[in-house]
Amino acid sequence: MPMALGVATRNGITSKYHEGFTMWPSPQSWNWNAVDVGPHRDLAVDLAKSVKARNLRRILWVQP
């Protein structure tokens, strides 16, 4: 079945940046993550739950 124009089927986020900032609590991020600094939430889990509820595909990109 062809997909309608303008309908998203995937969502992606850069979940770990090259300087070590992560979107989830991580002992390897030296308190440099979204839970300790910023919104004080696990943004990777928030995004995963939201995308799953909309039946979309999830992409988490981790930069080396």
N, C-alpha and C. Protein backbone atom coordinates (compact mmCIF):
# COMPACT_ATOMS: atom_id res chain seq x y z
N MET A 1 0.85 -1.17 0.00
CA MET A 1 0.00 0.00 0.00
C MET A 1 0.89 1.24 0.00
N PRO A 2 0.72 2.17 -0.91
CA PRO A 2 1.54 3.38 -0.94
C PRO A 2 1.27 4.26 0.28
N MET A 3 2.32 4.91 0.74
CA MET A 3 2.19 5.79 1.89
C MET A 3 1.73 7.17 1.43
N ALA A 4 0.85 7.78 2.19
CA ALA A 4 0.38 9.13 1.88
C ALA A 4 1.52 10.13 2.04
N LEU A 5 1.53 11.15 1.23
CA LEU A 5 2.57 12.17 1.32
C LEU A 5 2.45 12.91 2.65
N GLY A 6 3.59 13.20 3.26
CA GLY A 6 3.60 13.97 4.49
C GLY A 6 3.40 13.16 5.75
N VAL A 7 3.36 11.84 5.65
CA VAL A 7 3.17 10.99 6.83
C VAL A 7 4.52 10.41 7.23
N ALA A 8 4.93 10.67 8.46
CA ALA A 8 6.22 10.15 8.95
C ALA A 8 6.08 8.69 9.36
N THR A 9 7.09 7.90 9.05
CA THR A 9 7.09 6.50 9.47
C THR A 9 8.24 6.19 10.41
N ARG A 10 9.18 7.13 10.56
CA ARG A 10 10.35 6.91 11.41
C ARG A 10 10.65 8.18 12.20
N ASN A 11 11.30 8.00 13.32
CA ASN A 11 11.74 9.12 14.13
C ASN A 11 13.12 8.81 14.64
N GLY A 12 14.01 9.77 14.61
CA GLY A 12 15.37 9.51 15.07
C GLY A 12 15.90 10.64 15.93
N ILE A 13 16.86 10.30 16.78
CA ILE A 13 17.49 11.28 17.66
C ILE A 13 18.95 10.87 17.84
N THR A 14 19.82 11.85 17.94
CA THR A 14 21.20 11.55 18.29
C THR A 14 21.22 11.39 19.80
N SER A 15 21.43 10.18 20.26
CA SER A 15 21.27 9.88 21.68
C SER A 15 22.55 10.01 22.49
N LYS A 16 23.70 10.03 21.83
CA LYS A 16 24.97 10.27 22.52
C LYS A 16 25.85 11.07 21.57
N TYR A 17 26.32 12.18 22.06
CA TYR A 17 27.14 13.07 21.24
C TYR A 17 28.62 12.78 21.43
N HIS A 18 29.44 13.26 20.52
CA HIS A 18 30.87 12.97 20.53
C HIS A 18 31.57 13.46 21.80
N GLU A 19 31.02 14.50 22.46
CA GLU A 19 31.66 14.99 23.68
C GLU A 19 31.21 14.21 24.92
N GLY A 20 30.36 13.21 24.74
CA GLY A 20 29.96 12.33 25.83
C GLY A 20 28.59 12.60 26.42
N PHE A 21 27.89 13.65 25.97
CA PHE A 21 26.56 13.94 26.50
C PHE A 21 25.58 12.89 26.02
N THR A 22 24.84 12.28 26.95
CA THR A 22 23.85 11.26 26.59
C THR A 22 22.45 11.73 26.94
N MET A 23 21.46 11.17 26.27
CA MET A 23 20.06 11.49 26.52
C MET A 23 19.44 10.60 27.60
N TRP A 24 20.25 9.76 28.23
CA TRP A 24 19.80 8.87 29.30
C TRP A 24 20.83 8.91 30.41
N PRO A 25 20.46 8.45 31.63
CA PRO A 25 21.45 8.43 32.71
C PRO A 25 22.50 7.36 32.42
N SER A 26 23.77 7.75 32.46
CA SER A 26 24.83 6.82 32.13
C SER A 26 26.02 7.04 33.05
N PRO A 27 26.53 5.97 33.68
CA PRO A 27 27.72 6.13 34.53
C PRO A 27 28.96 6.50 33.72
N GLN A 28 28.96 6.25 32.42
CA GLN A 28 30.09 6.60 31.57
C GLN A 28 30.05 8.05 31.09
N SER A 29 28.98 8.78 31.37
CA SER A 29 28.88 10.15 30.87
C SER A 29 29.33 11.19 31.89
N TRP A 30 29.84 10.78 33.02
CA TRP A 30 30.40 11.69 34.03
C TRP A 30 29.43 12.80 34.42
N ASN A 31 28.19 12.43 34.70
CA ASN A 31 27.14 13.39 35.07
C ASN A 31 26.87 14.41 33.97
N TRP A 32 27.20 14.06 32.74
CA TRP A 32 26.98 14.91 31.58
C TRP A 32 25.90 14.26 30.73
N ASN A 33 24.65 14.30 31.24
CA ASN A 33 23.54 13.66 30.55
C ASN A 33 22.25 14.43 30.82
N ALA A 34 21.20 14.07 30.10
CA ALA A 34 19.94 14.80 30.19
C ALA A 34 19.27 14.66 31.55
N VAL A 35 19.60 13.62 32.31
CA VAL A 35 18.99 13.44 33.63
C VAL A 35 19.68 14.33 34.66
N ASP A 36 21.00 14.43 34.62
CA ASP A 36 21.74 15.24 35.58
C ASP A 36 21.80 16.72 35.20
N VAL A 37 21.78 17.01 33.91
CA VAL A 37 21.87 18.39 33.41
C VAL A 37 20.73 18.58 32.42
N GLY A 38 20.03 19.65 32.50
CA GLY A 38 18.98 19.90 31.51
C GLY A 38 17.60 19.57 32.04
N PRO A 39 16.80 18.81 31.28
CA PRO A 39 15.41 18.59 31.66
C PRO A 39 15.21 17.59 32.81
N HIS A 40 16.28 16.94 33.26
CA HIS A 40 16.22 15.95 34.35
C HIS A 40 15.25 14.82 34.04
N ARG A 41 15.31 14.36 32.81
CA ARG A 41 14.47 13.25 32.33
C ARG A 41 15.30 12.38 31.41
N ASP A 42 14.91 11.13 31.31
CA ASP A 42 15.53 10.20 30.36
C ASP A 42 14.84 10.42 29.01
N LEU A 43 15.43 11.24 28.17
CA LEU A 43 14.80 11.60 26.90
C LEU A 43 14.73 10.45 25.92
N ALA A 44 15.65 9.50 26.01
CA ALA A 44 15.61 8.34 25.12
C ALA A 44 14.37 7.49 25.41
N VAL A 45 14.05 7.29 26.68
CA VAL A 45 12.85 6.52 27.04
C VAL A 45 11.59 7.30 26.68
N ASP A 46 11.57 8.60 26.95
CA ASP A 46 10.40 9.42 26.59
C ASP A 46 10.11 9.32 25.10
N LEU A 47 11.16 9.46 24.28
CA LEU A 47 10.98 9.38 22.83
C LEU A 47 10.52 7.99 22.41
N ALA A 48 11.13 6.96 22.96
CA ALA A 48 10.76 5.58 22.60
C ALA A 48 9.30 5.30 22.90
N LYS A 49 8.82 5.72 24.05
CA LYS A 49 7.41 5.50 24.43
C LYS A 49 6.47 6.25 23.49
N SER A 50 6.81 7.49 23.18
CA SER A 50 5.96 8.30 22.31
C SER A 50 5.90 7.74 20.90
N VAL A 51 7.06 7.35 20.37
CA VAL A 51 7.11 6.81 19.01
C VAL A 51 6.39 5.46 18.94
N LYS A 52 6.59 4.62 19.95
CA LYS A 52 5.92 3.32 19.97
C LYS A 52 4.40 3.47 20.04
N ALA A 53 3.93 4.44 20.81
CA ALA A 53 2.49 4.68 20.92
C ALA A 53 1.88 5.09 19.59
N ARG A 54 2.70 5.66 18.71
CA ARG A 54 2.22 6.09 17.39
C ARG A 54 2.54 5.07 16.31
N ASN A 55 3.05 3.92 16.72
CA ASN A 55 3.35 2.82 15.81
C ASN A 55 4.38 3.21 14.74
N LEU A 56 5.38 4.00 15.13
CA LEU A 56 6.45 4.41 14.23
C LEU A 56 7.70 3.58 14.51
N ARG A 57 8.67 3.66 13.63
CA ARG A 57 9.95 3.00 13.84
C ARG A 57 10.88 3.95 14.59
N ARG A 58 11.70 3.38 15.47
CA ARG A 58 12.61 4.19 16.28
C ARG A 58 14.03 4.04 15.77
N ILE A 59 14.77 5.14 15.79
CA ILE A 59 16.18 5.14 15.44
C ILE A 59 16.92 5.91 16.53
N LEU A 60 17.87 5.28 17.19
CA LEU A 60 18.72 5.97 18.15
C LEU A 60 20.12 5.98 17.57
N TRP A 61 20.66 7.14 17.30
CA TRP A 61 21.98 7.28 16.74
C TRP A 61 22.95 7.59 17.87
N VAL A 62 24.03 6.83 17.94
CA VAL A 62 25.07 7.05 18.95
C VAL A 62 26.35 7.41 18.22
N GLN A 63 26.84 8.64 18.44
CA GLN A 63 28.09 9.05 17.81
C GLN A 63 29.26 8.47 18.59
N PRO A 64 30.26 7.98 17.90
CA PRO A 64 31.44 7.43 18.60
C PRO A 64 32.25 8.51 19.28
